[in-house]
C-alpha atoms as a PDB file:
ATOM      1  CA  MET A   1      -0.757   6.917 -16.014  1.00  0.00           C
ATOM      2  CA  ARG A   2      -0.624  10.655 -16.256  1.00  0.00           C
ATOM      3  CA  THR A   3       2.655  12.546 -15.804  1.00  0.00           C
ATOM      4  CA  GLU A   4       2.926  16.168 -14.730  1.00  0.00           C
ATOM      5  CA  LEU A   5       5.790  18.552 -14.031  1.00  0.00           C
ATOM      6  CA  VAL A   6       6.406  19.731 -10.490  1.00  0.00           C
ATOM      7  CA  THR A   7       5.721  23.277 -11.721  1.00  0.00           C
ATOM      8  CA  THR A   8       2.256  22.129 -12.801  1.00  0.00           C
ATOM      9  CA  LEU A   9       1.698  20.805  -9.287  1.00  0.00           C
ATOM     10  CA  LYS A  10       2.767  24.149  -7.829  1.00  0.00           C
ATOM     11  CA  ARG A  11       0.519  26.150 -10.140  1.00  0.00           C
ATOM     12  CA  GLN A  12      -2.496  23.853 -10.439  1.00  0.00           C
ATOM     13  CA  ALA A  13      -2.613  21.853  -7.208  1.00  0.00           C
ATOM     14  CA  THR A  14      -6.362  22.347  -6.746  1.00  0.00           C
ATOM     15  CA  GLU A  15      -7.117  21.127 -10.259  1.00  0.00           C
ATOM     16  CA  LEU A  16      -4.812  18.112  -9.936  1.00  0.00           C
ATOM     17  CA  LEU A  17      -6.452  17.134  -6.657  1.00  0.00           C
ATOM     18  CA  ALA A  18      -9.897  17.439  -8.247  1.00  0.00           C
ATOM     19  CA  ASP A  19      -8.726  15.189 -11.096  1.00  0.00           C
ATOM     20  CA  LEU A  20      -7.421  12.644  -8.575  1.00  0.00           C
ATOM     21  CA  GLU A  21     -10.721  12.599  -6.729  1.00  0.00           C
ATOM     22  CA  ARG A  22     -12.690  12.226  -9.955  1.00  0.00           C
ATOM     23  CA  ASP A  23     -10.515   9.776 -11.911  1.00  0.00           C
ATOM     24  CA  ARG A  24      -8.732   7.847  -9.118  1.00  0.00           C
ATOM     25  CA  GLU A  25      -5.728   7.668 -11.483  1.00  0.00           C
ATOM     26  CA  PRO A  26      -2.279   8.249  -9.923  1.00  0.00           C
ATOM     27  CA  ILE A  27      -0.273  11.158 -11.252  1.00  0.00           C
ATOM     28  CA  LEU A  28       3.510  10.892 -11.594  1.00  0.00           C
ATOM     29  CA  ILE A  29       5.252  14.142 -10.718  1.00  0.00           C
ATOM     30  CA  THR A  30       8.585  14.776 -12.408  1.00  0.00           C
ATOM     31  CA  GLN A  31      11.300  17.217 -11.446  1.00  0.00           C
ATOM     32  CA  HIS A  32      14.124  18.066 -13.866  1.00  0.00           C
ATOM     33  CA  GLY A  33      12.823  15.299 -16.130  1.00  0.00           C
ATOM     34  CA  LEU A  34      13.089  12.598 -13.454  1.00  0.00           C
ATOM     35  CA  PRO A  35      10.312  10.858 -11.497  1.00  0.00           C
ATOM     36  CA  SER A  36       9.959  12.561  -8.134  1.00  0.00           C
ATOM     37  CA  ALA A  37       6.659  11.513  -6.531  1.00  0.00           C
ATOM     38  CA  TYR A  38       3.256   9.981  -7.112  1.00  0.00           C
ATOM     39  CA  LEU A  39       0.001  11.656  -6.224  1.00  0.00           C
ATOM     40  CA  VAL A  40      -2.724   9.174  -5.328  1.00  0.00           C
ATOM     41  CA  ASP A  41      -6.159   9.640  -3.851  1.00  0.00           C
ATOM     42  CA  VAL A  42      -6.657   8.741  -0.199  1.00  0.00           C
ATOM     43  CA  GLU A  43      -8.959   5.780  -0.840  1.00  0.00           C
ATOM     44  CA  SER A  44      -6.495   4.148  -3.247  1.00  0.00           C
ATOM     45  CA  PHE A  45      -3.584   4.785  -0.875  1.00  0.00           C
ATOM     46  CA  ASP A  46      -5.460   3.212   2.047  1.00  0.00           C
ATOM     47  CA  ALA A  47      -6.327   0.175  -0.095  1.00  0.00           C
ATOM     48  CA  MET A  48      -2.652  -0.205  -1.083  1.00  0.00           C
ATOM     49  CA  GLN A  49      -1.633  -0.046   2.573  1.00  0.00           C
ATOM     50  CA  ARG A  50      -4.130  -2.794   3.488  1.00  0.00           C
ATOM     51  CA  ARG A  51      -2.833  -4.972   0.633  1.00  0.00           C
ATOM     52  CA  MET A  52       0.766  -4.416   1.714  1.00  0.00           C
ATOM     53  CA  LYS A  53      -0.018  -5.490   5.293  1.00  0.00           C
ATOM     54  CA  LEU A  54      -1.706  -8.631   4.005  1.00  0.00           C
ATOM     55  CA  LEU A  55       1.211  -9.461   1.694  1.00  0.00           C
ATOM     56  CA  GLU A  56       3.715  -8.840   4.505  1.00  0.00           C
ATOM     57  CA  GLY A  57       1.765 -11.254   6.708  1.00  0.00           C
ATOM     58  CA  ILE A  58       1.820 -13.894   3.993  1.00  0.00           C
ATOM     59  CA  ALA A  59       5.575 -13.402   3.540  1.00  0.00           C
ATOM     60  CA  ARG A  60       6.145 -13.819   7.310  1.00  0.00           C
ATOM     61  CA  GLY A  61       4.111 -17.013   7.219  1.00  0.00           C
ATOM     62  CA  GLU A  62       6.095 -18.378   4.289  1.00  0.00           C
ATOM     63  CA  ARG A  63       9.365 -17.626   6.119  1.00  0.00           C
ATOM     64  CA  ALA A  64       8.065 -19.404   9.218  1.00  0.00           C
ATOM     65  CA  VAL A  65       7.240 -22.499   7.167  1.00  0.00           C
ATOM     66  CA  GLU A  66      10.670 -22.424   5.500  1.00  0.00           C
ATOM     67  CA  GLU A  67      12.329 -22.159   8.925  1.00  0.00           C
ATOM     68  CA  GLY A  68      10.228 -24.987  10.350  1.00  0.00           C
ATOM     69  CA  ARG A  69       8.390 -22.729  12.796  1.00  0.00           C
ATOM     70  CA  THR A  70       5.003 -24.409  12.448  1.00  0.00           C
ATOM     71  CA  LEU A  71       2.402 -25.865  14.791  1.00  0.00           C
ATOM     72  CA  THR A  72       0.077 -28.791  14.607  1.00  0.00           C
ATOM     73  CA  HIS A  73      -3.617 -28.033  14.338  1.00  0.00           C
ATOM     74  CA  GLU A  74      -4.106 -28.901  18.030  1.00  0.00           C
ATOM     75  CA  GLN A  75      -1.209 -26.675  19.125  1.00  0.00           C
ATOM     76  CA  ALA A  76      -2.615 -23.784  17.124  1.00  0.00           C
ATOM     77  CA  LYS A  77      -6.087 -24.284  18.640  1.00  0.00           C
ATOM     78  CA  ASP A  78      -4.617 -24.292  22.152  1.00  0.00           C
ATOM     79  CA  ARG A  79      -2.682 -21.091  21.516  1.00  0.00           C
ATOM     80  CA  LEU A  80      -5.749 -19.395  20.056  1.00  0.00           C
ATOM     81  CA  LYS A  81      -7.853 -20.409  23.060  1.00  0.00           C
ATOM     82  CA  ARG A  82      -5.325 -18.826  25.419  1.00  0.00           C
ATOM     83  CA  TRP A  83      -4.994 -15.738  23.237  1.00  0.00           C
ATOM     84  CA  LEU A  84      -8.765 -15.198  22.947  1.00  0.00           C
ATOM     85  CA  LYS A  85      -9.407 -15.379  26.692  1.00  0.00           C
END
């Protein structure tokens, strides 16, 4: 992953954005030698957001199973029928 100074971002924002669009490689922005932000292209960011939602849903399902909040197949079918009406 590429790392750039915040001053580079200030001075060369257009070029950095063009690089992002072309390479689809995130850029780590540092300020005073410390990580400050990541620049990512829109398509990659949207894909990460979709993955996060999916993983959060899986985690909720795992918690439900651990807590015993489950349904039989028939109960689930009945609920889906009501929900889809």
